[in-house]
Amino acid sequence: MRIKPETKLGRWSVGLNIFFLIVIIISVTLVNVLGILSYDDHWWDVSIAIIFPASIIAFILGIIAIRKKDHSVLVYSSVVIGLLTILFILLHSLFISD
């Protein structure tokens, strides 16, 4: 089993999820570690509206890449991260208390 994806769909899937992880890490660092921003600010709504769909698209592209015989570790990891993102969205909406 290879580590890097060989198809274009696999590379897009991995790239989108790397983008997702980088933005999440930077956001959490800016809020929790450095205390510069807050989750109540407008930037959080905009960034979530961009990165969550990117991870879901990465999930879909990863599944298509696997069906097209791209069996690399990074593509499978991308599918797992996308699945966890979808589960987070579904489960998080059950426990929102406004």
N, C-alpha and C. Protein backbone atom coordinates (compact mmCIF):
# COMPACT_ATOMS: atom_id res chain seq x y z
N MET A 1 0.84 -1.17 0.00
CA MET A 1 0.00 0.00 0.00
C MET A 1 0.90 1.24 0.00
N ARG A 2 0.57 2.18 -0.86
CA ARG A 2 1.35 3.41 -0.98
C ARG A 2 0.92 4.43 0.06
N ILE A 3 1.77 5.41 0.27
CA ILE A 3 1.44 6.48 1.21
C ILE A 3 0.79 7.64 0.47
N LYS A 4 1.39 8.08 -0.63
CA LYS A 4 0.87 9.22 -1.38
C LYS A 4 -0.16 8.77 -2.42
N PRO A 5 -1.17 9.61 -2.65
CA PRO A 5 -2.18 9.28 -3.67
C PRO A 5 -1.60 9.42 -5.07
N GLU A 6 -2.12 8.60 -5.98
CA GLU A 6 -1.64 8.64 -7.36
C GLU A 6 -2.64 9.29 -8.32
N THR A 7 -3.88 9.38 -7.95
CA THR A 7 -4.87 9.99 -8.83
C THR A 7 -5.08 11.45 -8.46
N LYS A 8 -5.61 12.20 -9.41
CA LYS A 8 -5.89 13.62 -9.16
C LYS A 8 -6.95 13.79 -8.08
N LEU A 9 -7.97 12.92 -8.10
CA LEU A 9 -9.01 12.99 -7.07
C LEU A 9 -8.44 12.72 -5.68
N GLY A 10 -7.53 11.77 -5.59
CA GLY A 10 -6.90 11.46 -4.32
C GLY A 10 -6.06 12.62 -3.80
N ARG A 11 -5.33 13.27 -4.70
CA ARG A 11 -4.52 14.43 -4.29
C ARG A 11 -5.41 15.59 -3.83
N TRP A 12 -6.52 15.81 -4.53
CA TRP A 12 -7.45 16.86 -4.11
C TRP A 12 -8.05 16.55 -2.74
N SER A 13 -8.41 15.31 -2.54
CA SER A 13 -8.99 14.90 -1.27
C SER A 13 -8.01 15.15 -0.12
N VAL A 14 -6.79 14.73 -0.29
CA VAL A 14 -5.77 14.93 0.74
C VAL A 14 -5.48 16.41 0.93
N GLY A 15 -5.38 17.15 -0.15
CA GLY A 15 -5.10 18.58 -0.06
C GLY A 15 -6.19 19.35 0.66
N LEU A 16 -7.45 19.03 0.38
CA LEU A 16 -8.55 19.72 1.06
C LEU A 16 -8.57 19.41 2.55
N ASN A 17 -8.26 18.18 2.91
CA ASN A 17 -8.25 17.86 4.33
C ASN A 17 -7.02 18.42 5.04
N ILE A 18 -5.92 18.56 4.35
CA ILE A 18 -4.77 19.25 4.95
C ILE A 18 -5.12 20.71 5.20
N PHE A 19 -5.80 21.34 4.24
CA PHE A 19 -6.28 22.71 4.41
C PHE A 19 -7.20 22.79 5.62
N PHE A 20 -8.13 21.85 5.74
CA PHE A 20 -9.06 21.79 6.87
C PHE A 20 -8.31 21.71 8.19
N LEU A 21 -7.36 20.80 8.28
CA LEU A 21 -6.61 20.61 9.53
C LEU A 21 -5.76 21.83 9.88
N ILE A 22 -5.14 22.43 8.89
CA ILE A 22 -4.30 23.61 9.15
C ILE A 22 -5.15 24.76 9.69
N VAL A 23 -6.30 25.01 9.08
CA VAL A 23 -7.16 26.11 9.54
C VAL A 23 -7.70 25.82 10.94
N ILE A 24 -8.07 24.59 11.22
CA ILE A 24 -8.55 24.24 12.56
C ILE A 24 -7.44 24.43 13.59
N ILE A 25 -6.23 23.99 13.29
CA ILE A 25 -5.11 24.13 14.23
C ILE A 25 -4.78 25.59 14.47
N ILE A 26 -4.75 26.39 13.42
CA ILE A 26 -4.48 27.83 13.57
C ILE A 26 -5.59 28.50 14.38
N SER A 27 -6.84 28.15 14.11
CA SER A 27 -7.96 28.76 14.81
C SER A 27 -7.93 28.43 16.31
N VAL A 28 -7.72 27.17 16.63
CA VAL A 28 -7.68 26.77 18.03
C VAL A 28 -6.49 27.41 18.74
N THR A 29 -5.38 27.52 18.04
CA THR A 29 -4.20 28.17 18.63
C THR A 29 -4.48 29.65 18.90
N LEU A 30 -5.10 30.34 17.95
CA LEU A 30 -5.39 31.76 18.14
C LEU A 30 -6.40 32.01 19.25
N VAL A 31 -7.33 31.09 19.46
CA VAL A 31 -8.35 31.29 20.49
C VAL A 31 -7.89 30.77 21.85
N ASN A 32 -7.52 29.50 21.91
CA ASN A 32 -7.25 28.87 23.20
C ASN A 32 -5.84 29.12 23.74
N VAL A 33 -4.85 29.13 22.87
CA VAL A 33 -3.47 29.26 23.34
C VAL A 33 -3.07 30.72 23.47
N LEU A 34 -3.26 31.49 22.41
CA LEU A 34 -2.81 32.88 22.42
C LEU A 34 -3.86 33.85 22.96
N GLY A 35 -5.12 33.48 22.91
CA GLY A 35 -6.18 34.34 23.40
C GLY A 35 -6.41 35.60 22.58
N ILE A 36 -5.98 35.58 21.33
CA ILE A 36 -6.12 36.76 20.47
C ILE A 36 -7.56 36.91 19.98
N LEU A 37 -8.18 35.81 19.61
CA LEU A 37 -9.54 35.85 19.06
C LEU A 37 -10.50 35.12 19.99
N SER A 38 -11.78 35.18 19.65
CA SER A 38 -12.82 34.50 20.41
C SER A 38 -13.70 33.72 19.44
N TYR A 39 -14.29 32.63 19.94
CA TYR A 39 -15.19 31.86 19.10
C TYR A 39 -16.49 32.61 18.80
N ASP A 40 -16.76 33.67 19.54
CA ASP A 40 -17.97 34.46 19.32
C ASP A 40 -17.81 35.49 18.21
N ASP A 41 -16.60 35.66 17.70
CA ASP A 41 -16.35 36.64 16.65
C ASP A 41 -16.86 36.16 15.30
N HIS A 42 -16.97 37.10 14.36
CA HIS A 42 -17.47 36.81 13.02
C HIS A 42 -16.52 35.93 12.21
N TRP A 43 -15.21 36.01 12.46
CA TRP A 43 -14.24 35.23 11.69
C TRP A 43 -14.49 33.74 11.84
N TRP A 44 -14.97 33.31 13.00
CA TRP A 44 -15.19 31.88 13.24
C TRP A 44 -16.32 31.37 12.35
N ASP A 45 -17.40 32.15 12.21
CA ASP A 45 -18.51 31.74 11.36
C ASP A 45 -18.08 31.62 9.90
N VAL A 46 -17.27 32.55 9.44
CA VAL A 46 -16.80 32.52 8.06
C VAL A 46 -15.85 31.35 7.83
N SER A 47 -14.94 31.13 8.74
CA SER A 47 -13.97 30.05 8.54
C SER A 47 -14.65 28.68 8.60
N ILE A 48 -15.62 28.51 9.48
CA ILE A 48 -16.34 27.24 9.55
C ILE A 48 -17.16 27.01 8.28
N ALA A 49 -17.74 28.09 7.74
CA ALA A 49 -18.53 27.96 6.51
C ALA A 49 -17.67 27.58 5.32
N ILE A 50 -16.36 27.78 5.41
CA ILE A 50 -15.46 27.42 4.32
C ILE A 50 -14.82 26.05 4.54
N ILE A 51 -14.35 25.78 5.77
CA ILE A 51 -13.54 24.58 5.97
C ILE A 51 -14.37 23.31 6.16
N PHE A 52 -15.57 23.39 6.75
CA PHE A 52 -16.35 22.18 6.91
C PHE A 52 -16.81 21.62 5.55
N PRO A 53 -17.32 22.47 4.64
CA PRO A 53 -17.64 21.93 3.31
C PRO A 53 -16.40 21.39 2.57
N ALA A 54 -15.24 22.00 2.82
CA ALA A 54 -14.02 21.49 2.18
C ALA A 54 -13.73 20.08 2.64
N SER A 55 -13.93 19.80 3.93
CA SER A 55 -13.69 18.45 4.44
C SER A 55 -14.72 17.46 3.93
N ILE A 56 -15.96 17.90 3.78
CA ILE A 56 -17.00 17.02 3.24
C ILE A 56 -16.73 16.72 1.77
N ILE A 57 -16.30 17.72 1.02
CA ILE A 57 -15.93 17.49 -0.38
C ILE A 57 -14.73 16.55 -0.46
N ALA A 58 -13.78 16.72 0.45
CA ALA A 58 -12.61 15.82 0.49
C ALA A 58 -13.05 14.39 0.77
N PHE A 59 -14.03 14.21 1.62
CA PHE A 59 -14.58 12.88 1.91
C PHE A 59 -15.15 12.25 0.65
N ILE A 60 -15.96 13.01 -0.08
CA ILE A 60 -16.58 12.50 -1.31
C ILE A 60 -15.52 12.18 -2.36
N LEU A 61 -14.56 13.08 -2.54
CA LEU A 61 -13.50 12.83 -3.52
C LEU A 61 -12.65 11.64 -3.13
N GLY A 62 -12.42 11.46 -1.83
CA GLY A 62 -11.65 10.31 -1.37
C GLY A 62 -12.36 9.00 -1.65
N ILE A 63 -13.67 8.96 -1.45
CA ILE A 63 -14.42 7.75 -1.76
C ILE A 63 -14.37 7.45 -3.26
N ILE A 64 -14.51 8.48 -4.07
CA ILE A 64 -14.44 8.28 -5.52
C ILE A 64 -13.03 7.80 -5.91
N ALA A 65 -12.00 8.37 -5.29
CA ALA A 65 -10.62 7.96 -5.59
C ALA A 65 -10.39 6.51 -5.20
N ILE A 66 -10.93 6.09 -4.06
CA ILE A 66 -10.77 4.70 -3.64
C ILE A 66 -11.49 3.77 -4.61
N ARG A 67 -12.65 4.17 -5.08
CA ARG A 67 -13.37 3.35 -6.06
C ARG A 67 -12.61 3.26 -7.38
N LYS A 68 -11.78 4.27 -7.67
CA LYS A 68 -10.97 4.26 -8.90
C LYS A 68 -9.59 3.67 -8.65
N LYS A 69 -9.46 2.87 -7.62
CA LYS A 69 -8.25 2.09 -7.31
C LYS A 69 -7.09 2.94 -6.80
N ASP A 70 -7.36 4.00 -6.06
CA ASP A 70 -6.29 4.75 -5.39
C ASP A 70 -6.30 4.35 -3.92
N HIS A 71 -5.56 3.29 -3.61
CA HIS A 71 -5.55 2.74 -2.26
C HIS A 71 -4.30 3.19 -1.52
N SER A 72 -4.24 4.49 -1.23
CA SER A 72 -3.10 5.01 -0.49
C SER A 72 -3.51 5.36 0.94
N VAL A 73 -2.54 5.40 1.82
CA VAL A 73 -2.79 5.66 3.23
C VAL A 73 -3.40 7.05 3.42
N LEU A 74 -2.89 8.04 2.70
CA LEU A 74 -3.39 9.40 2.86
C LEU A 74 -4.83 9.55 2.38
N VAL A 75 -5.21 8.83 1.36
CA VAL A 75 -6.60 8.91 0.88
C VAL A 75 -7.53 8.27 1.90
N TYR A 76 -7.15 7.12 2.45
CA TYR A 76 -7.97 6.51 3.49
C TYR A 76 -8.05 7.41 4.72
N SER A 77 -6.96 8.06 5.07
CA SER A 77 -6.97 9.00 6.20
C SER A 77 -7.90 10.18 5.91
N SER A 78 -7.88 10.65 4.68
CA SER A 78 -8.74 11.75 4.28
C SER A 78 -10.21 11.36 4.39
N VAL A 79 -10.54 10.15 4.02
CA VAL A 79 -11.92 9.68 4.13
C VAL A 79 -12.33 9.59 5.61
N VAL A 80 -11.44 9.12 6.46
CA VAL A 80 -11.74 9.01 7.89
C VAL A 80 -11.96 10.41 8.49
N ILE A 81 -11.10 11.36 8.14
CA ILE A 81 -11.27 12.73 8.66
C ILE A 81 -12.58 13.33 8.16
N GLY A 82 -12.92 13.11 6.91
CA GLY A 82 -14.19 13.60 6.38
C GLY A 82 -15.38 12.96 7.07
N LEU A 83 -15.29 11.66 7.35
CA LEU A 83 -16.37 10.98 8.05
C LEU A 83 -16.51 11.52 9.47
N LEU A 84 -15.40 11.77 10.15
CA LEU A 84 -15.45 12.35 11.49
C LEU A 84 -16.04 13.76 11.47
N THR A 85 -15.75 14.52 10.42
CA THR A 85 -16.34 15.85 10.28
C THR A 85 -17.85 15.76 10.12
N ILE A 86 -18.31 14.85 9.29
CA ILE A 86 -19.75 14.68 9.09
C ILE A 86 -20.42 14.24 10.39
N LEU A 87 -19.80 13.30 11.10
CA LEU A 87 -20.35 12.86 12.38
C LEU A 87 -20.38 14.00 13.40
N PHE A 88 -19.34 14.82 13.41
CA PHE A 88 -19.32 15.96 14.31
C PHE A 88 -20.47 16.91 14.03
N ILE A 89 -20.70 17.21 12.76
CA ILE A 89 -21.78 18.13 12.39
C ILE A 89 -23.13 17.55 12.82
N LEU A 90 -23.35 16.26 12.57
CA LEU A 90 -24.62 15.65 12.92
C LEU A 90 -24.82 15.56 14.42
N LEU A 91 -23.80 15.13 15.14
CA LEU A 91 -23.93 14.97 16.59
C LEU A 91 -23.92 16.29 17.33
N HIS A 92 -23.16 17.25 16.83
CA HIS A 92 -23.10 18.56 17.47
C HIS A 92 -24.46 19.26 17.41
N SER A 93 -25.16 19.08 16.31
CA SER A 93 -26.46 19.73 16.17
C SER A 93 -27.50 19.15 17.13
N LEU A 94 -27.27 17.95 17.64
CA LEU A 94 -28.18 17.37 18.61
C LEU A 94 -28.06 18.01 19.98
N PHE A 95 -26.89 18.55 20.29
CA PHE A 95 -26.63 19.04 21.63
C PHE A 95 -26.47 20.55 21.72
N ILE A 96 -26.88 21.28 20.70
CA ILE A 96 -26.82 22.75 20.75
C ILE A 96 -27.93 23.24 21.67
N SER A 97 -27.57 24.08 22.59
CA SER A 97 -28.59 24.64 23.49
C SER A 97 -28.52 26.17 23.41
N ASP A 98 -29.41 26.74 22.65
CA ASP A 98 -29.47 28.20 22.50
C ASP A 98 -30.44 28.82 23.47
